[in-house]
Amino acid sequence: MRRSPMPDRLDAALVRAVEASAGPPDADGWVTATVPLESVDLAVPTLLSLGADIEALAPEELRRGIAEAAGAVFDRYRSR
């Protein structure tokens, strides 16, 4: 994830927890961190709110949920 959008889009306690687990940024500014959320159902819309500034690495159920939701948004707005 890129750190910049987090404070504006996530709860302050969640931002603190993510920042506490974050590793150093790579050459492109991406960091690996743990995002403590209660369930996949809650995590999908929360992480989608960060747009392309985040990639969920695990669990696979979360990756699949984000892909399905993003695909549904794409389908809705695709030019007909």
N, C-alpha and C. Protein backbone atom coordinates (compact mmCIF):
# COMPACT_ATOMS: atom_id res chain seq x y z
N MET A 1 0.84 -1.17 0.00
CA MET A 1 0.00 0.00 0.00
C MET A 1 0.88 1.23 0.00
N ARG A 2 0.35 2.28 -0.50
CA ARG A 2 1.01 3.58 -0.40
C ARG A 2 0.39 4.27 0.80
N ARG A 3 1.18 4.93 1.58
CA ARG A 3 0.69 5.50 2.84
C ARG A 3 -0.17 6.74 2.67
N SER A 4 0.01 7.52 1.65
CA SER A 4 -0.62 8.82 1.53
C SER A 4 -2.14 8.86 1.70
N PRO A 5 -2.94 7.95 1.11
CA PRO A 5 -4.38 8.11 1.22
C PRO A 5 -4.97 7.63 2.54
N MET A 6 -4.22 6.88 3.31
CA MET A 6 -4.79 6.25 4.51
C MET A 6 -5.40 7.23 5.50
N PRO A 7 -4.71 8.27 5.94
CA PRO A 7 -5.31 9.12 6.96
C PRO A 7 -6.62 9.76 6.55
N ASP A 8 -6.80 10.02 5.28
CA ASP A 8 -8.02 10.65 4.81
C ASP A 8 -9.18 9.67 4.67
N ARG A 9 -8.90 8.39 4.51
CA ARG A 9 -9.95 7.44 4.17
C ARG A 9 -10.22 6.37 5.22
N LEU A 10 -9.35 6.23 6.20
CA LEU A 10 -9.53 5.19 7.21
C LEU A 10 -9.62 5.79 8.60
N ASP A 11 -10.25 5.04 9.49
CA ASP A 11 -10.35 5.42 10.89
C ASP A 11 -8.94 5.60 11.49
N ALA A 12 -8.78 6.59 12.34
CA ALA A 12 -7.47 6.92 12.91
C ALA A 12 -6.84 5.73 13.64
N ALA A 13 -7.62 4.96 14.39
CA ALA A 13 -7.07 3.80 15.10
C ALA A 13 -6.57 2.75 14.12
N LEU A 14 -7.28 2.57 13.02
CA LEU A 14 -6.86 1.62 12.01
C LEU A 14 -5.57 2.09 11.34
N VAL A 15 -5.47 3.37 11.05
CA VAL A 15 -4.25 3.93 10.46
C VAL A 15 -3.06 3.69 11.38
N ARG A 16 -3.24 3.93 12.68
CA ARG A 16 -2.14 3.71 13.64
C ARG A 16 -1.71 2.25 13.65
N ALA A 17 -2.66 1.33 13.62
CA ALA A 17 -2.32 -0.10 13.63
C ALA A 17 -1.57 -0.49 12.36
N VAL A 18 -2.01 0.02 11.23
CA VAL A 18 -1.32 -0.29 9.97
C VAL A 18 0.08 0.29 9.99
N GLU A 19 0.23 1.53 10.40
CA GLU A 19 1.54 2.15 10.43
C GLU A 19 2.49 1.44 11.38
N ALA A 20 1.97 0.91 12.48
CA ALA A 20 2.82 0.19 13.43
C ALA A 20 3.36 -1.12 12.84
N SER A 21 2.64 -1.69 11.89
CA SER A 21 3.07 -2.95 11.29
C SER A 21 3.81 -2.76 9.97
N ALA A 22 3.87 -1.55 9.47
CA ALA A 22 4.42 -1.30 8.14
C ALA A 22 5.93 -1.46 8.10
N GLY A 23 6.38 -2.11 7.03
CA GLY A 23 7.80 -2.22 6.78
C GLY A 23 8.28 -0.96 6.07
N PRO A 24 9.55 -0.92 5.73
CA PRO A 24 10.09 0.24 5.01
C PRO A 24 9.56 0.26 3.57
N PRO A 25 9.41 1.43 2.98
CA PRO A 25 8.94 1.50 1.60
C PRO A 25 9.97 0.92 0.63
N ASP A 26 9.46 0.32 -0.44
CA ASP A 26 10.36 -0.18 -1.48
C ASP A 26 10.73 0.98 -2.41
N ALA A 27 11.41 0.70 -3.49
CA ALA A 27 11.87 1.74 -4.41
C ALA A 27 10.72 2.54 -5.03
N ASP A 28 9.55 1.92 -5.12
CA ASP A 28 8.39 2.60 -5.70
C ASP A 28 7.48 3.23 -4.65
N GLY A 29 7.88 3.17 -3.38
CA GLY A 29 7.10 3.78 -2.32
C GLY A 29 6.05 2.87 -1.70
N TRP A 30 6.02 1.60 -2.07
CA TRP A 30 5.05 0.66 -1.53
C TRP A 30 5.58 0.05 -0.24
N VAL A 31 4.68 -0.17 0.72
CA VAL A 31 5.04 -0.84 1.96
C VAL A 31 4.14 -2.05 2.16
N THR A 32 4.64 -3.02 2.89
CA THR A 32 3.84 -4.17 3.29
C THR A 32 3.43 -3.95 4.73
N ALA A 33 2.14 -4.12 5.00
CA ALA A 33 1.62 -3.88 6.35
C ALA A 33 0.44 -4.81 6.59
N THR A 34 0.11 -4.99 7.85
CA THR A 34 -1.06 -5.75 8.25
C THR A 34 -2.21 -4.78 8.52
N VAL A 35 -3.35 -5.07 7.93
CA VAL A 35 -4.54 -4.24 8.13
C VAL A 35 -5.50 -5.06 8.99
N PRO A 36 -5.63 -4.72 10.27
CA PRO A 36 -6.49 -5.51 11.16
C PRO A 36 -7.97 -5.16 10.99
N LEU A 37 -8.70 -6.01 10.30
CA LEU A 37 -10.13 -5.81 10.11
C LEU A 37 -10.87 -7.05 10.60
N GLU A 38 -12.11 -6.86 11.03
CA GLU A 38 -12.86 -7.93 11.67
C GLU A 38 -13.24 -9.09 10.75
N SER A 39 -13.52 -8.77 9.50
CA SER A 39 -13.96 -9.83 8.59
C SER A 39 -13.67 -9.42 7.16
N VAL A 40 -13.71 -10.40 6.27
CA VAL A 40 -13.53 -10.12 4.85
C VAL A 40 -14.66 -9.23 4.36
N ASP A 41 -15.88 -9.47 4.83
CA ASP A 41 -17.02 -8.65 4.40
C ASP A 41 -16.82 -7.18 4.72
N LEU A 42 -16.21 -6.87 5.85
CA LEU A 42 -15.91 -5.48 6.20
C LEU A 42 -14.66 -4.98 5.50
N ALA A 43 -13.71 -5.87 5.27
CA ALA A 43 -12.44 -5.46 4.67
C ALA A 43 -12.58 -5.06 3.22
N VAL A 44 -13.44 -5.74 2.46
CA VAL A 44 -13.55 -5.46 1.03
C VAL A 44 -13.90 -3.99 0.77
N PRO A 45 -14.99 -3.45 1.31
CA PRO A 45 -15.29 -2.04 1.00
C PRO A 45 -14.27 -1.07 1.61
N THR A 46 -13.72 -1.43 2.76
CA THR A 46 -12.72 -0.56 3.38
C THR A 46 -11.50 -0.44 2.49
N LEU A 47 -10.99 -1.56 2.02
CA LEU A 47 -9.80 -1.54 1.18
C LEU A 47 -10.10 -0.99 -0.20
N LEU A 48 -11.29 -1.23 -0.73
CA LEU A 48 -11.65 -0.65 -2.03
C LEU A 48 -11.68 0.87 -1.96
N SER A 49 -11.95 1.42 -0.79
CA SER A 49 -11.96 2.89 -0.66
C SER A 49 -10.59 3.49 -0.92
N LEU A 50 -9.55 2.67 -0.87
CA LEU A 50 -8.18 3.15 -1.14
C LEU A 50 -7.83 3.04 -2.62
N GLY A 51 -8.73 2.51 -3.42
CA GLY A 51 -8.52 2.45 -4.86
C GLY A 51 -7.28 1.65 -5.23
N ALA A 52 -6.53 2.19 -6.17
CA ALA A 52 -5.33 1.52 -6.68
C ALA A 52 -4.12 1.73 -5.79
N ASP A 53 -4.31 2.37 -4.64
CA ASP A 53 -3.19 2.61 -3.72
C ASP A 53 -2.95 1.46 -2.76
N ILE A 54 -3.66 0.35 -2.97
CA ILE A 54 -3.49 -0.80 -2.09
C ILE A 54 -3.63 -2.09 -2.89
N GLU A 55 -2.92 -3.11 -2.46
CA GLU A 55 -3.10 -4.46 -3.00
C GLU A 55 -3.14 -5.41 -1.81
N ALA A 56 -4.23 -6.12 -1.67
CA ALA A 56 -4.34 -7.12 -0.62
C ALA A 56 -3.55 -8.35 -1.05
N LEU A 57 -2.64 -8.79 -0.23
CA LEU A 57 -1.81 -9.94 -0.55
C LEU A 57 -2.42 -11.24 -0.02
N ALA A 58 -3.18 -11.14 1.04
CA ALA A 58 -3.79 -12.31 1.67
C ALA A 58 -4.89 -11.82 2.61
N PRO A 59 -5.82 -12.66 2.95
CA PRO A 59 -6.05 -14.02 2.48
C PRO A 59 -6.64 -14.02 1.07
N GLU A 60 -6.62 -15.17 0.45
CA GLU A 60 -7.12 -15.29 -0.93
C GLU A 60 -8.59 -14.89 -1.01
N GLU A 61 -9.37 -15.20 0.02
CA GLU A 61 -10.79 -14.83 0.03
C GLU A 61 -10.96 -13.32 -0.08
N LEU A 62 -10.07 -12.56 0.56
CA LEU A 62 -10.12 -11.10 0.49
C LEU A 62 -9.74 -10.63 -0.92
N ARG A 63 -8.68 -11.20 -1.48
CA ARG A 63 -8.27 -10.83 -2.84
C ARG A 63 -9.42 -11.09 -3.83
N ARG A 64 -10.06 -12.23 -3.69
CA ARG A 64 -11.16 -12.59 -4.57
C ARG A 64 -12.34 -11.62 -4.39
N GLY A 65 -12.65 -11.28 -3.14
CA GLY A 65 -13.75 -10.35 -2.88
C GLY A 65 -13.50 -8.98 -3.46
N ILE A 66 -12.27 -8.50 -3.35
CA ILE A 66 -11.92 -7.19 -3.92
C ILE A 66 -12.02 -7.26 -5.44
N ALA A 67 -11.50 -8.32 -6.04
CA ALA A 67 -11.56 -8.46 -7.50
C ALA A 67 -13.01 -8.51 -7.99
N GLU A 68 -13.86 -9.24 -7.29
CA GLU A 68 -15.27 -9.33 -7.70
C GLU A 68 -15.97 -7.99 -7.59
N ALA A 69 -15.74 -7.28 -6.48
CA ALA A 69 -16.37 -5.97 -6.30
C ALA A 69 -15.86 -4.96 -7.32
N ALA A 70 -14.56 -4.95 -7.56
CA ALA A 70 -14.00 -4.03 -8.54
C ALA A 70 -14.52 -4.35 -9.94
N GLY A 71 -14.65 -5.64 -10.25
CA GLY A 71 -15.20 -6.04 -11.53
C GLY A 71 -16.64 -5.58 -11.71
N ALA A 72 -17.43 -5.66 -10.64
CA ALA A 72 -18.82 -5.21 -10.71
C ALA A 72 -18.89 -3.70 -10.94
N VAL A 73 -18.02 -2.95 -10.31
CA VAL A 73 -17.98 -1.50 -10.54
C VAL A 73 -17.58 -1.22 -11.98
N PHE A 74 -16.56 -1.91 -12.45
CA PHE A 74 -16.11 -1.73 -13.83
C PHE A 74 -17.25 -2.02 -14.80
N ASP A 75 -17.94 -3.13 -14.60
CA ASP A 75 -19.05 -3.50 -15.49
C ASP A 75 -20.14 -2.43 -15.49
N ARG A 76 -20.42 -1.86 -14.34
CA ARG A 76 -21.48 -0.87 -14.25
C ARG A 76 -21.12 0.39 -15.04
N TYR A 77 -19.85 0.79 -15.02
CA TYR A 77 -19.45 2.07 -15.62
C TYR A 77 -18.82 1.92 -17.00
N ARG A 78 -18.65 0.71 -17.46
CA ARG A 78 -18.07 0.49 -18.78
C ARG A 78 -18.96 1.10 -19.84
N SER A 79 -18.35 1.70 -20.84
CA SER A 79 -19.12 2.26 -21.96
C SER A 79 -19.89 1.16 -22.64
N ARG A 80 -21.09 1.45 -23.00
CA ARG A 80 -21.93 0.44 -23.66
C ARG A 80 -21.94 0.65 -25.15
